Amino acid sequence: MNDMSPEQPGMADVLAAIGQLRTEVAVRFDRVDAKFEQVRADVAQVRADVAATKAEALFGEARASDAQEAIRRHLADPNAHGRPAA
């Protein structure tokens, strides 16, 4: 029988191909790991920003409540500050 198919790869060729694939997979996993680390860092930054924004909002609400109370007291007694109202 005259077989015209190309020569089958030998064991050394198969092992070399496996080594090349192993290297390529390792490089890709390293890239994926780096991307996940960047995502984790970005999420941590977003969480910190949200916490800071909540703190600022609470501080602003407290100041607004203080201002509202001062206005109520002033309207109830404009001279309560120790000087005549303008």
PDB file of N, CA and C in Angstrom:
ATOM      1  N   MET A   1       0.823  -1.158   0.000  1.00  0.00           N
ATOM      2  CA  MET A   1       0.000   0.000   0.000  1.00  0.00           C
ATOM      3  C   MET A   1       0.882   1.241   0.000  1.00  0.00           C
ATOM      4  N   ASN A   2       0.556   2.191  -0.873  1.00  0.00           N
ATOM      5  CA  ASN A   2       1.347   3.415  -1.003  1.00  0.00           C
ATOM      6  C   ASN A   2       0.597   4.532  -0.282  1.00  0.00           C
ATOM      7  N   ASP A   3       0.976   4.822   0.941  1.00  0.00           N
ATOM      8  CA  ASP A   3       0.292   5.837   1.754  1.00  0.00           C
ATOM      9  C   ASP A   3       0.942   7.199   1.498  1.00  0.00           C
ATOM     10  N   MET A   4       0.132   8.190   1.052  1.00  0.00           N
ATOM     11  CA  MET A   4       0.661   9.510   0.722  1.00  0.00           C
ATOM     12  C   MET A   4       0.493  10.500   1.882  1.00  0.00           C
ATOM     13  N   SER A   5       0.043  10.026   3.041  1.00  0.00           N
ATOM     14  CA  SER A   5      -0.157  10.935   4.163  1.00  0.00           C
ATOM     15  C   SER A   5       1.193  11.399   4.702  1.00  0.00           C
ATOM     16  N   PRO A   6       1.210  12.594   5.318  1.00  0.00           N
ATOM     17  CA  PRO A   6       2.474  13.091   5.851  1.00  0.00           C
ATOM     18  C   PRO A   6       2.949  12.211   7.002  1.00  0.00           C
ATOM     19  N   GLU A   7       4.217  12.310   7.269  1.00  0.00           N
ATOM     20  CA  GLU A   7       4.814  11.506   8.329  1.00  0.00           C
ATOM     21  C   GLU A   7       4.195  11.864   9.668  1.00  0.00           C
ATOM     22  N   GLN A   8       3.897  10.860  10.462  1.00  0.00           N
ATOM     23  CA  GLN A   8       3.329  11.068  11.791  1.00  0.00           C
ATOM     24  C   GLN A   8       4.391  11.667  12.705  1.00  0.00           C
ATOM     25  N   PRO A   9       3.976  12.581  13.599  1.00  0.00           N
ATOM     26  CA  PRO A   9       4.967  13.163  14.501  1.00  0.00           C
ATOM     27  C   PRO A   9       5.486  12.114  15.481  1.00  0.00           C
ATOM     28  N   GLY A  10       6.726  12.250  15.835  1.00  0.00           N
ATOM     29  CA  GLY A  10       7.330  11.336  16.803  1.00  0.00           C
ATOM     30  C   GLY A  10       7.054  11.818  18.222  1.00  0.00           C
ATOM     31  N   MET A  11       7.469  11.016  19.181  1.00  0.00           N
ATOM     32  CA  MET A  11       7.247  11.353  20.588  1.00  0.00           C
ATOM     33  C   MET A  11       7.924  12.671  20.950  1.00  0.00           C
ATOM     34  N   ALA A  12       9.101  12.932  20.426  1.00  0.00           N
ATOM     35  CA  ALA A  12       9.804  14.194  20.709  1.00  0.00           C
ATOM     36  C   ALA A  12       8.995  15.383  20.205  1.00  0.00           C
ATOM     37  N   ASP A  13       8.367  15.234  19.029  1.00  0.00           N
ATOM     38  CA  ASP A  13       7.534  16.313  18.481  1.00  0.00           C
ATOM     39  C   ASP A  13       6.308  16.558  19.367  1.00  0.00           C
ATOM     40  N   VAL A  14       5.698  15.467  19.814  1.00  0.00           N
ATOM     41  CA  VAL A  14       4.517  15.583  20.674  1.00  0.00           C
ATOM     42  C   VAL A  14       4.888  16.253  21.991  1.00  0.00           C
ATOM     43  N   LEU A  15       5.990  15.828  22.587  1.00  0.00           N
ATOM     44  CA  LEU A  15       6.433  16.433  23.848  1.00  0.00           C
ATOM     45  C   LEU A  15       6.791  17.905  23.669  1.00  0.00           C
ATOM     46  N   ALA A  16       7.400  18.248  22.562  1.00  0.00           N
ATOM     47  CA  ALA A  16       7.736  19.655  22.287  1.00  0.00           C
ATOM     48  C   ALA A  16       6.465  20.484  22.138  1.00  0.00           C
ATOM     49  N   ALA A  17       5.466  19.935  21.452  1.00  0.00           N
ATOM     50  CA  ALA A  17       4.197  20.650  21.278  1.00  0.00           C
ATOM     51  C   ALA A  17       3.495  20.825  22.622  1.00  0.00           C
ATOM     52  N   ILE A  18       3.523  19.783  23.454  1.00  0.00           N
ATOM     53  CA  ILE A  18       2.917  19.880  24.793  1.00  0.00           C
ATOM     54  C   ILE A  18       3.640  20.946  25.617  1.00  0.00           C
ATOM     55  N   GLY A  19       4.957  20.982  25.544  1.00  0.00           N
ATOM     56  CA  GLY A  19       5.724  21.998  26.268  1.00  0.00           C
ATOM     57  C   GLY A  19       5.374  23.401  25.807  1.00  0.00           C
ATOM     58  N   GLN A  20       5.207  23.567  24.503  1.00  0.00           N
ATOM     59  CA  GLN A  20       4.843  24.885  23.957  1.00  0.00           C
ATOM     60  C   GLN A  20       3.451  25.290  24.437  1.00  0.00           C
ATOM     61  N   LEU A  21       2.516  24.367  24.401  1.00  0.00           N
ATOM     62  CA  LEU A  21       1.162  24.660  24.878  1.00  0.00           C
ATOM     63  C   LEU A  21       1.152  24.985  26.364  1.00  0.00           C
ATOM     64  N   ARG A  22       1.952  24.236  27.115  1.00  0.00           N
ATOM     65  CA  ARG A  22       2.031  24.482  28.556  1.00  0.00           C
ATOM     66  C   ARG A  22       2.531  25.907  28.818  1.00  0.00           C
ATOM     67  N   THR A  23       3.542  26.319  28.072  1.00  0.00           N
ATOM     68  CA  THR A  23       4.090  27.668  28.224  1.00  0.00           C
ATOM     69  C   THR A  23       3.046  28.727  27.856  1.00  0.00           C
ATOM     70  N   GLU A  24       2.352  28.529  26.749  1.00  0.00           N
ATOM     71  CA  GLU A  24       1.327  29.480  26.313  1.00  0.00           C
ATOM     72  C   GLU A  24       0.194  29.580  27.330  1.00  0.00           C
ATOM     73  N   VAL A  25      -0.233  28.446  27.865  1.00  0.00           N
ATOM     74  CA  VAL A  25      -1.303  28.444  28.869  1.00  0.00           C
ATOM     75  C   VAL A  25      -0.837  29.167  30.132  1.00  0.00           C
ATOM     76  N   ALA A  26       0.394  28.922  30.558  1.00  0.00           N
ATOM     77  CA  ALA A  26       0.920  29.584  31.753  1.00  0.00           C
ATOM     78  C   ALA A  26       0.951  31.096  31.561  1.00  0.00           C
ATOM     79  N   VAL A  27       1.369  31.548  30.393  1.00  0.00           N
ATOM     80  CA  VAL A  27       1.409  32.985  30.104  1.00  0.00           C
ATOM     81  C   VAL A  27       0.002  33.572  30.145  1.00  0.00           C
ATOM     82  N   ARG A  28      -0.939  32.868  29.568  1.00  0.00           N
ATOM     83  CA  ARG A  28      -2.326  33.372  29.567  1.00  0.00           C
ATOM     84  C   ARG A  28      -2.902  33.402  30.974  1.00  0.00           C
ATOM     85  N   PHE A  29      -2.628  32.384  31.771  1.00  0.00           N
ATOM     86  CA  PHE A  29      -3.109  32.391  33.156  1.00  0.00           C
ATOM     87  C   PHE A  29      -2.485  33.536  33.935  1.00  0.00           C
ATOM     88  N   ASP A  30      -1.221  33.821  33.691  1.00  0.00           N
ATOM     89  CA  ASP A  30      -0.577  34.959  34.353  1.00  0.00           C
ATOM     90  C   ASP A  30      -1.287  36.264  33.978  1.00  0.00           C
ATOM     91  N   ARG A  31      -1.642  36.399  32.710  1.00  0.00           N
ATOM     92  CA  ARG A  31      -2.365  37.601  32.265  1.00  0.00           C
ATOM     93  C   ARG A  31      -3.734  37.687  32.927  1.00  0.00           C
ATOM     94  N   VAL A  32      -4.430  36.562  33.004  1.00  0.00           N
ATOM     95  CA  VAL A  32      -5.748  36.535  33.644  1.00  0.00           C
ATOM     96  C   VAL A  32      -5.622  36.890  35.125  1.00  0.00           C
ATOM     97  N   ASP A  33      -4.624  36.324  35.795  1.00  0.00           N
ATOM     98  CA  ASP A  33      -4.396  36.648  37.204  1.00  0.00           C
ATOM     99  C   ASP A  33      -4.141  38.135  37.387  1.00  0.00           C
ATOM    100  N   ALA A  34      -3.341  38.708  36.511  1.00  0.00           N
ATOM    101  CA  ALA A  34      -3.058  40.144  36.595  1.00  0.00           C
ATOM    102  C   ALA A  34      -4.329  40.962  36.395  1.00  0.00           C
ATOM    103  N   LYS A  35      -5.170  40.548  35.458  1.00  0.00           N
ATOM    104  CA  LYS A  35      -6.433  41.264  35.228  1.00  0.00           C
ATOM    105  C   LYS A  35      -7.327  41.168  36.461  1.00  0.00           C
ATOM    106  N   PHE A  36      -7.423  39.968  37.056  1.00  0.00           N
ATOM    107  CA  PHE A  36      -8.248  39.810  38.253  1.00  0.00           C
ATOM    108  C   PHE A  36      -7.727  40.668  39.394  1.00  0.00           C
ATOM    109  N   GLU A  37      -6.426  40.744  39.550  1.00  0.00           N
ATOM    110  CA  GLU A  37      -5.856  41.590  40.600  1.00  0.00           C
ATOM    111  C   GLU A  37      -6.209  43.061  40.354  1.00  0.00           C
ATOM    112  N   GLN A  38      -6.178  43.487  39.098  1.00  0.00           N
ATOM    113  CA  GLN A  38      -6.544  44.861  38.773  1.00  0.00           C
ATOM    114  C   GLN A  38      -8.022  45.106  39.078  1.00  0.00           C
ATOM    115  N   VAL A  39      -8.852  44.128  38.742  1.00  0.00           N
ATOM    116  CA  VAL A  39     -10.290  44.252  39.042  1.00  0.00           C
ATOM    117  C   VAL A  39     -10.502  44.337  40.549  1.00  0.00           C
ATOM    118  N   ARG A  40      -9.802  43.483  41.299  1.00  0.00           N
ATOM    119  CA  ARG A  40      -9.930  43.527  42.759  1.00  0.00           C
ATOM    120  C   ARG A  40      -9.509  44.890  43.304  1.00  0.00           C
ATOM    121  N   ALA A  41      -8.430  45.422  42.789  1.00  0.00           N
ATOM    122  CA  ALA A  41      -7.976  46.751  43.231  1.00  0.00           C
ATOM    123  C   ALA A  41      -8.991  47.825  42.871  1.00  0.00           C
ATOM    124  N   ASP A  42      -9.560  47.733  41.673  1.00  0.00           N
ATOM    125  CA  ASP A  42     -10.575  48.709  41.254  1.00  0.00           C
ATOM    126  C   ASP A  42     -11.814  48.627  42.134  1.00  0.00           C
ATOM    127  N   VAL A  43     -12.244  47.408  42.463  1.00  0.00           N
ATOM    128  CA  VAL A  43     -13.415  47.227  43.329  1.00  0.00           C
ATOM    129  C   VAL A  43     -13.130  47.790  44.717  1.00  0.00           C
ATOM    130  N   ALA A  44     -11.930  47.547  45.236  1.00  0.00           N
ATOM    131  CA  ALA A  44     -11.569  48.095  46.545  1.00  0.00           C
ATOM    132  C   ALA A  44     -11.602  49.620  46.519  1.00  0.00           C
ATOM    133  N   GLN A  45     -11.137  50.216  45.432  1.00  0.00           N
ATOM    134  CA  GLN A  45     -11.165  51.677  45.311  1.00  0.00           C
ATOM    135  C   GLN A  45     -12.596  52.186  45.261  1.00  0.00           C
ATOM    136  N   VAL A  46     -13.444  51.501  44.527  1.00  0.00           N
ATOM    137  CA  VAL A  46     -14.858  51.906  44.450  1.00  0.00           C
ATOM    138  C   VAL A  46     -15.502  51.820  45.829  1.00  0.00           C
ATOM    139  N   ARG A  47     -15.205  50.742  46.557  1.00  0.00           N
ATOM    140  CA  ARG A  47     -15.765  50.600  47.907  1.00  0.00           C
ATOM    141  C   ARG A  47     -15.304  51.737  48.808  1.00  0.00           C
ATOM    142  N   ALA A  48     -14.023  52.087  48.718  1.00  0.00           N
ATOM    143  CA  ALA A  48     -13.503  53.197  49.522  1.00  0.00           C
ATOM    144  C   ALA A  48     -14.175  54.509  49.134  1.00  0.00           C
ATOM    145  N   ASP A  49     -14.385  54.722  47.843  1.00  0.00           N
ATOM    146  CA  ASP A  49     -15.055  55.938  47.385  1.00  0.00           C
ATOM    147  C   ASP A  49     -16.497  55.997  47.875  1.00  0.00           C
ATOM    148  N   VAL A  50     -17.181  54.864  47.844  1.00  0.00           N
ATOM    149  CA  VAL A  50     -18.570  54.814  48.326  1.00  0.00           C
ATOM    150  C   VAL A  50     -18.623  55.114  49.812  1.00  0.00           C
ATOM    151  N   ALA A  51     -17.709  54.524  50.582  1.00  0.00           N
ATOM    152  CA  ALA A  51     -17.676  54.777  52.020  1.00  0.00           C
ATOM    153  C   ALA A  51     -17.409  56.251  52.307  1.00  0.00           C
ATOM    154  N   ALA A  52     -16.485  56.855  51.566  1.00  0.00           N
ATOM    155  CA  ALA A  52     -16.182  58.279  51.760  1.00  0.00           C
ATOM    156  C   ALA A  52     -17.377  59.142  51.393  1.00  0.00           C
ATOM    157  N   THR A  53     -18.067  58.774  50.321  1.00  0.00           N
ATOM    158  CA  THR A  53     -19.238  59.537  49.901  1.00  0.00           C
ATOM    159  C   THR A  53     -20.347  59.441  50.942  1.00  0.00           C
ATOM    160  N   LYS A  54     -20.539  58.235  51.497  1.00  0.00           N
ATOM    161  CA  LYS A  54     -21.547  58.076  52.551  1.00  0.00           C
ATOM    162  C   LYS A  54     -21.200  58.937  53.770  1.00  0.00           C
ATOM    163  N   ALA A  55     -19.924  58.956  54.135  1.00  0.00           N
ATOM    164  CA  ALA A  55     -19.504  59.765  55.277  1.00  0.00           C
ATOM    165  C   ALA A  55     -19.743  61.250  55.005  1.00  0.00           C
ATOM    166  N   GLU A  56     -19.422  61.690  53.806  1.00  0.00           N
ATOM    167  CA  GLU A  56     -19.661  63.092  53.446  1.00  0.00           C
ATOM    168  C   GLU A  56     -21.148  63.413  53.466  1.00  0.00           C
ATOM    169  N   ALA A  57     -21.966  62.499  52.975  1.00  0.00           N
ATOM    170  CA  ALA A  57     -23.415  62.725  52.956  1.00  0.00           C
ATOM    171  C   ALA A  57     -23.959  62.816  54.375  1.00  0.00           C
ATOM    172  N   LEU A  58     -23.504  61.923  55.258  1.00  0.00           N
ATOM    173  CA  LEU A  58     -23.957  61.966  56.648  1.00  0.00           C
ATOM    174  C   LEU A  58     -23.523  63.262  57.329  1.00  0.00           C
ATOM    175  N   PHE A  59     -22.298  63.699  57.051  1.00  0.00           N
ATOM    176  CA  PHE A  59     -21.812  64.953  57.626  1.00  0.00           C
ATOM    177  C   PHE A  59     -22.666  66.116  57.112  1.00  0.00           C
ATOM    178  N   GLY A  60     -22.949  66.109  55.819  1.00  0.00           N
ATOM    179  CA  GLY A  60     -23.778  67.168  55.240  1.00  0.00           C
ATOM    180  C   GLY A  60     -25.191  67.175  55.812  1.00  0.00           C
ATOM    181  N   GLU A  61     -25.750  65.989  55.997  1.00  0.00           N
ATOM    182  CA  GLU A  61     -27.095  65.900  56.586  1.00  0.00           C
ATOM    183  C   GLU A  61     -27.091  66.427  58.017  1.00  0.00           C
ATOM    184  N   ALA A  62     -26.045  66.115  58.779  1.00  0.00           N
ATOM    185  CA  ALA A  62     -25.951  66.610  60.159  1.00  0.00           C
ATOM    186  C   ALA A  62     -25.858  68.129  60.169  1.00  0.00           C
ATOM    187  N   ARG A  63     -25.051  68.683  59.270  1.00  0.00           N
ATOM    188  CA  ARG A  63     -24.923  70.146  59.184  1.00  0.00           C
ATOM    189  C   ARG A  63     -26.256  70.775  58.759  1.00  0.00           C
ATOM    190  N   ALA A  64     -26.943  70.143  57.829  1.00  0.00           N
ATOM    191  CA  ALA A  64     -28.237  70.671  57.382  1.00  0.00           C
ATOM    192  C   ALA A  64     -29.232  70.648  58.531  1.00  0.00           C
ATOM    193  N   SER A  65     -29.217  69.584  59.315  1.00  0.00           N
ATOM    194  CA  SER A  65     -30.126  69.499  60.477  1.00  0.00           C
ATOM    195  C   SER A  65     -29.795  70.589  61.483  1.00  0.00           C
ATOM    196  N   ASP A  66     -28.508  70.829  61.725  1.00  0.00           N
ATOM    197  CA  ASP A  66     -28.100  71.900  62.640  1.00  0.00           C
ATOM    198  C   ASP A  66     -28.577  73.256  62.123  1.00  0.00           C
ATOM    199  N   ALA A  67     -28.419  73.494  60.838  1.00  0.00           N
ATOM    200  CA  ALA A  67     -28.846  74.769  60.254  1.00  0.00           C
ATOM    201  C   ALA A  67     -30.355  74.923  60.343  1.00  0.00           C
ATOM    202  N   GLN A  68     -31.101  73.854  60.074  1.00  0.00           N
ATOM    203  CA  GLN A  68     -32.565  73.917  60.181  1.00  0.00           C
ATOM    204  C   GLN A  68     -32.992  74.245  61.609  1.00  0.00           C
ATOM    205  N   GLU A  69     -32.331  73.607  62.570  1.00  0.00           N
ATOM    206  CA  GLU A  69     -32.664  73.867  63.979  1.00  0.00           C
ATOM    207  C   GLU A  69     -32.343  75.324  64.338  1.00  0.00           C
ATOM    208  N   ALA A  70     -31.225  75.840  63.874  1.00  0.00           N
ATOM    209  CA  ALA A  70     -30.873  77.235  64.149  1.00  0.00           C
ATOM    210  C   ALA A  70     -31.889  78.184  63.526  1.00  0.00           C
ATOM    211  N   ILE A  71     -32.341  77.882  62.334  1.00  0.00           N
ATOM    212  CA  ILE A  71     -33.350  78.735  61.683  1.00  0.00           C
ATOM    213  C   ILE A  71     -34.663  78.679  62.455  1.00  0.00           C
ATOM    214  N   ARG A  72     -35.086  77.487  62.881  1.00  0.00           N
ATOM    215  CA  ARG A  72     -36.326  77.355  63.668  1.00  0.00           C
ATOM    216  C   ARG A  72     -36.242  78.178  64.946  1.00  0.00           C
ATOM    217  N   ARG A  73     -35.102  78.076  65.647  1.00  0.00           N
ATOM    218  CA  ARG A  73     -34.943  78.836  66.896  1.00  0.00           C
ATOM    219  C   ARG A  73     -34.947  80.333  66.632  1.00  0.00           C
ATOM    220  N   HIS A  74     -34.303  80.718  65.551  1.00  0.00           N
ATOM    221  CA  HIS A  74     -34.268  82.136  65.216  1.00  0.00           C
ATOM    222  C   HIS A  74     -35.668  82.653  64.887  1.00  0.00           C
ATOM    223  N   LEU A  75     -36.418  81.877  64.132  1.00  0.00           N
ATOM    224  CA  LEU A  75     -37.778  82.299  63.793  1.00  0.00           C
ATOM    225  C   LEU A  75     -38.665  82.340  65.033  1.00  0.00           C
ATOM    226  N   ALA A  76     -38.431  81.437  65.968  1.00  0.00           N
ATOM    227  CA  ALA A  76     -39.221  81.424  67.201  1.00  0.00           C
ATOM    228  C   ALA A  76     -38.861  82.610  68.093  1.00  0.00           C
ATOM    229  N   ASP A  77     -37.604  82.998  68.134  1.00  0.00           N
ATOM    230  CA  ASP A  77     -37.160  84.109  68.977  1.00  0.00           C
ATOM    231  C   ASP A  77     -35.971  84.794  68.287  1.00  0.00           C
ATOM    232  N   PRO A  78     -36.221  85.786  67.430  1.00  0.00           N
ATOM    233  CA  PRO A  78     -35.152  86.444  66.663  1.00  0.00           C
ATOM    234  C   PRO A  78     -34.101  87.116  67.540  1.00  0.00           C
ATOM    235  N   ASN A  79     -34.420  87.455  68.772  1.00  0.00           N
ATOM    236  CA  ASN A  79     -33.467  88.151  69.651  1.00  0.00           C
ATOM    237  C   ASN A  79     -32.737  87.200  70.601  1.00  0.00           C
ATOM    238  N   ALA A  80     -32.850  85.928  70.408  1.00  0.00           N
ATOM    239  CA  ALA A  80     -32.244  84.951  71.312  1.00  0.00           C
ATOM    240  C   ALA A  80     -30.730  84.885  71.202  1.00  0.00           C
ATOM    241  N   HIS A  81     -30.151  85.569  70.235  1.00  0.00           N
ATOM    242  CA  HIS A  81     -28.701  85.499  70.025  1.00  0.00           C
ATOM    243  C   HIS A  81     -27.929  86.497  70.867  1.00  0.00           C
ATOM    244  N   GLY A  82     -28.605  87.285  71.646  1.00  0.00           N
ATOM    245  CA  GLY A  82     -27.922  88.270  72.468  1.00  0.00           C
ATOM    246  C   GLY A  82     -27.740  89.597  71.765  1.00  0.00           C
ATOM    247  N   ARG A  83     -28.241  89.722  70.562  1.00  0.00           N
ATOM    248  CA  ARG A  83     -28.201  90.988  69.834  1.00  0.00           C
ATOM    249  C   ARG A  83     -29.478  91.083  69.017  1.00  0.00           C
ATOM    250  N   PRO A  84     -29.873  92.264  68.689  1.00  0.00           N
ATOM    251  CA  PRO A  84     -31.120  92.427  67.922  1.00  0.00           C
ATOM    252  C   PRO A  84     -31.001  91.797  66.532  1.00  0.00           C
ATOM    253  N   ALA A  85     -32.108  91.271  66.072  1.00  0.00           N
ATOM    254  CA  ALA A  85     -32.146  90.683  64.742  1.00  0.00           C
ATOM    255  C   ALA A  85     -32.013  91.762  63.690  1.00  0.00           C
ATOM    256  N   ALA A  86     -31.421  91.472  62.601  1.00  0.00           N
ATOM    257  CA  ALA A  86     -31.230  92.453  61.535  1.00  0.00           C
ATOM    258  C   ALA A  86     -32.502  92.673  60.775  1.00  0.00           C
TER     259      ALA A  86
END
